[in-house]
């Protein structure tokens, strides 16, 4: 059975819909956690898993990059 252009377009559309569904659900979930934590004055960043307990966003990104680079080398 050969892949027709119509079959390929349907697969691409299905993958696109799946991606946006997962992305939007994750975005809404994390935004809700951040909003509730900010409005109640709780330290919401500690509720989410982070890289090596970093205190800043840049520190977390740097730790994540170093972790990934050490895995690939």
N, C-alpha and C. Protein backbone atom coordinates (compact mmCIF):
# COMPACT_ATOMS: atom_id res chain seq x y z
N UNK A 1 0.85 -1.18 0.00
CA UNK A 1 0.00 0.00 0.00
C UNK A 1 0.90 1.24 0.00
N UNK A 2 0.67 2.14 -0.91
CA UNK A 2 1.48 3.34 -1.00
C UNK A 2 0.83 4.47 -0.22
N UNK A 3 1.67 5.37 0.24
CA UNK A 3 1.16 6.54 0.94
C UNK A 3 0.77 7.60 -0.08
N UNK A 4 -0.49 7.90 -0.13
CA UNK A 4 -0.95 8.94 -1.04
C UNK A 4 -0.78 10.29 -0.37
N UNK A 5 -0.72 11.37 -1.15
CA UNK A 5 -0.61 12.71 -0.56
C UNK A 5 -1.76 13.01 0.39
N UNK A 6 -2.95 12.50 0.10
CA UNK A 6 -4.10 12.76 0.98
C UNK A 6 -3.91 12.05 2.32
N UNK A 7 -3.37 10.83 2.28
CA UNK A 7 -3.12 10.08 3.51
C UNK A 7 -2.06 10.78 4.36
N UNK A 8 -1.01 11.27 3.70
CA UNK A 8 0.05 12.00 4.40
C UNK A 8 -0.49 13.27 5.03
N UNK A 9 -1.34 14.01 4.32
CA UNK A 9 -1.93 15.25 4.85
C UNK A 9 -2.78 14.96 6.07
N UNK A 10 -3.53 13.86 6.05
CA UNK A 10 -4.36 13.51 7.20
C UNK A 10 -3.50 13.17 8.41
N UNK A 11 -2.41 12.44 8.21
CA UNK A 11 -1.50 12.11 9.31
C UNK A 11 -0.87 13.37 9.88
N UNK A 12 -0.48 14.28 9.02
CA UNK A 12 0.13 15.53 9.46
C UNK A 12 -0.86 16.36 10.25
N UNK A 13 -2.10 16.41 9.81
CA UNK A 13 -3.12 17.17 10.52
C UNK A 13 -3.40 16.55 11.88
N UNK A 14 -3.47 15.21 11.95
CA UNK A 14 -3.70 14.54 13.22
C UNK A 14 -2.57 14.82 14.21
N UNK A 15 -1.34 14.80 13.73
CA UNK A 15 -0.19 15.08 14.60
C UNK A 15 -0.21 16.52 15.08
N UNK A 16 -0.61 17.43 14.21
CA UNK A 16 -0.68 18.84 14.58
C UNK A 16 -1.74 19.08 15.65
N UNK A 17 -2.88 18.45 15.49
CA UNK A 17 -3.96 18.60 16.47
C UNK A 17 -3.52 18.02 17.81
N UNK A 18 -2.87 16.88 17.79
CA UNK A 18 -2.39 16.26 19.03
C UNK A 18 -1.38 17.15 19.73
N UNK A 19 -0.45 17.71 18.97
CA UNK A 19 0.56 18.59 19.56
C UNK A 19 -0.09 19.78 20.24
N UNK A 20 -1.00 20.46 19.55
CA UNK A 20 -1.61 21.65 20.13
C UNK A 20 -2.50 21.31 21.32
N UNK A 21 -3.10 20.15 21.32
CA UNK A 21 -3.91 19.74 22.46
C UNK A 21 -3.04 19.53 23.69
N UNK A 22 -1.93 18.81 23.55
CA UNK A 22 -1.03 18.57 24.68
C UNK A 22 -0.39 19.89 25.13
N UNK A 23 0.04 20.71 24.18
CA UNK A 23 0.66 21.99 24.52
C UNK A 23 -0.30 22.90 25.28
N UNK A 24 -1.52 23.03 24.79
CA UNK A 24 -2.46 23.94 25.43
C UNK A 24 -2.89 23.43 26.81
N UNK A 25 -3.06 22.12 26.97
CA UNK A 25 -3.41 21.60 28.29
C UNK A 25 -2.28 21.82 29.29
N UNK A 26 -1.05 21.59 28.87
CA UNK A 26 0.10 21.83 29.75
C UNK A 26 0.24 23.30 30.10
N UNK A 27 0.04 24.17 29.13
CA UNK A 27 0.13 25.61 29.36
C UNK A 27 -0.93 26.07 30.36
N UNK A 28 -2.15 25.59 30.18
CA UNK A 28 -3.24 25.98 31.09
C UNK A 28 -2.96 25.45 32.50
N UNK A 29 -2.48 24.24 32.61
CA UNK A 29 -2.20 23.66 33.92
C UNK A 29 -1.10 24.43 34.66
N UNK A 30 0.01 24.69 33.99
CA UNK A 30 1.11 25.41 34.64
C UNK A 30 0.71 26.86 34.93
N UNK A 31 -0.02 27.49 34.03
CA UNK A 31 -0.48 28.86 34.28
C UNK A 31 -1.43 28.93 35.47
N UNK A 32 -2.29 27.94 35.59
CA UNK A 32 -3.22 27.90 36.73
C UNK A 32 -2.46 27.74 38.04
N UNK A 33 -1.47 26.85 38.06
CA UNK A 33 -0.66 26.67 39.27
C UNK A 33 0.04 27.97 39.63
N UNK A 34 0.63 28.63 38.64
CA UNK A 34 1.34 29.89 38.89
C UNK A 34 0.39 30.98 39.36
N UNK A 35 -0.78 31.06 38.75
CA UNK A 35 -1.75 32.10 39.12
C UNK A 35 -2.27 31.89 40.54
N UNK A 36 -2.64 30.66 40.86
CA UNK A 36 -3.14 30.37 42.20
C UNK A 36 -2.03 30.60 43.23
N UNK A 37 -0.84 30.16 42.95
CA UNK A 37 0.27 30.38 43.88
C UNK A 37 0.59 31.85 44.07
N UNK A 38 0.54 32.62 43.01
CA UNK A 38 0.83 34.05 43.11
C UNK A 38 -0.26 34.78 43.87
N UNK A 39 -1.51 34.44 43.61
CA UNK A 39 -2.62 35.12 44.28
C UNK A 39 -2.69 34.79 45.77
N UNK A 40 -2.27 33.60 46.15
CA UNK A 40 -2.31 33.22 47.56
C UNK A 40 -1.02 33.54 48.29
N UNK A 41 0.01 33.96 47.56
CA UNK A 41 1.28 34.32 48.18
C UNK A 41 2.13 33.12 48.55
N UNK A 42 1.83 31.97 47.99
CA UNK A 42 2.59 30.76 48.28
C UNK A 42 3.76 30.62 47.31
N UNK A 43 4.83 29.97 47.71
CA UNK A 43 5.98 29.77 46.81
C UNK A 43 5.70 28.67 45.80
N UNK A 44 4.97 28.98 44.75
CA UNK A 44 4.51 27.97 43.79
C UNK A 44 5.63 27.35 42.98
N UNK A 45 6.78 28.02 42.86
CA UNK A 45 7.86 27.44 42.05
C UNK A 45 8.41 26.17 42.67
N UNK A 46 8.28 26.02 43.98
CA UNK A 46 8.77 24.80 44.62
C UNK A 46 7.82 23.63 44.39
N UNK A 47 6.60 23.89 43.92
CA UNK A 47 5.64 22.82 43.64
C UNK A 47 5.99 22.07 42.36
N UNK A 48 6.65 22.75 41.44
CA UNK A 48 7.01 22.16 40.16
C UNK A 48 8.43 21.62 40.22
N UNK A 49 8.70 20.50 39.58
CA UNK A 49 10.07 19.98 39.62
C UNK A 49 11.02 20.87 38.85
N UNK A 50 12.19 21.07 39.41
CA UNK A 50 13.17 21.92 38.76
C UNK A 50 14.52 21.24 38.69
N UNK A 51 15.44 21.90 38.07
CA UNK A 51 16.78 21.34 37.91
C UNK A 51 17.63 21.71 39.12
N UNK A 52 17.93 20.75 39.93
CA UNK A 52 18.89 20.89 41.03
C UNK A 52 18.55 22.01 42.01
N UNK A 53 17.30 22.25 42.29
CA UNK A 53 16.84 23.23 43.29
C UNK A 53 17.40 24.62 43.07
N UNK A 54 17.40 25.09 41.84
CA UNK A 54 17.92 26.41 41.52
C UNK A 54 16.93 27.48 41.95
N UNK A 55 17.45 28.62 42.34
CA UNK A 55 16.60 29.71 42.83
C UNK A 55 16.10 30.64 41.72
N UNK A 56 16.77 30.66 40.58
CA UNK A 56 16.36 31.55 39.51
C UNK A 56 16.07 30.74 38.24
N UNK A 57 15.36 31.37 37.33
CA UNK A 57 15.04 30.72 36.06
C UNK A 57 16.33 30.45 35.27
N UNK A 58 17.22 31.44 35.24
CA UNK A 58 18.45 31.28 34.47
C UNK A 58 19.34 30.19 35.07
N UNK A 59 19.37 30.11 36.38
CA UNK A 59 20.14 29.04 37.02
C UNK A 59 19.58 27.67 36.68
N UNK A 60 18.25 27.56 36.64
CA UNK A 60 17.61 26.30 36.28
C UNK A 60 17.89 25.90 34.84
N UNK A 61 17.84 26.88 33.95
CA UNK A 61 18.12 26.61 32.53
C UNK A 61 19.57 26.19 32.36
N UNK A 62 20.46 26.89 33.04
CA UNK A 62 21.88 26.55 32.95
C UNK A 62 22.15 25.15 33.48
N UNK A 63 21.54 24.79 34.60
CA UNK A 63 21.72 23.44 35.15
C UNK A 63 21.16 22.38 34.20
N UNK A 64 20.02 22.68 33.58
CA UNK A 64 19.42 21.73 32.63
C UNK A 64 20.30 21.54 31.40
N UNK A 65 20.87 22.62 30.91
CA UNK A 65 21.74 22.53 29.74
C UNK A 65 22.99 21.72 30.07
N UNK A 66 23.57 21.98 31.22
CA UNK A 66 24.76 21.21 31.61
C UNK A 66 24.41 19.73 31.80
N UNK A 67 23.24 19.44 32.33
CA UNK A 67 22.83 18.04 32.52
C UNK A 67 22.67 17.34 31.17
N UNK A 68 22.04 18.01 30.22
CA UNK A 68 21.82 17.41 28.90
C UNK A 68 23.14 17.25 28.16
N UNK A 69 24.03 18.26 28.26
CA UNK A 69 25.30 18.17 27.56
C UNK A 69 26.17 17.05 28.13
N UNK A 70 26.09 16.83 29.44
CA UNK A 70 26.89 15.75 30.01
C UNK A 70 26.35 14.38 29.59
N UNK A 71 25.06 14.29 29.29
CA UNK A 71 24.46 13.04 28.83
C UNK A 71 24.84 12.72 27.39
N UNK A 72 25.02 13.76 26.57
CA UNK A 72 25.28 13.54 25.15
C UNK A 72 26.75 13.32 24.84
N UNK A 73 27.62 13.71 25.72
CA UNK A 73 29.07 13.58 25.44
C UNK A 73 29.58 12.20 25.72
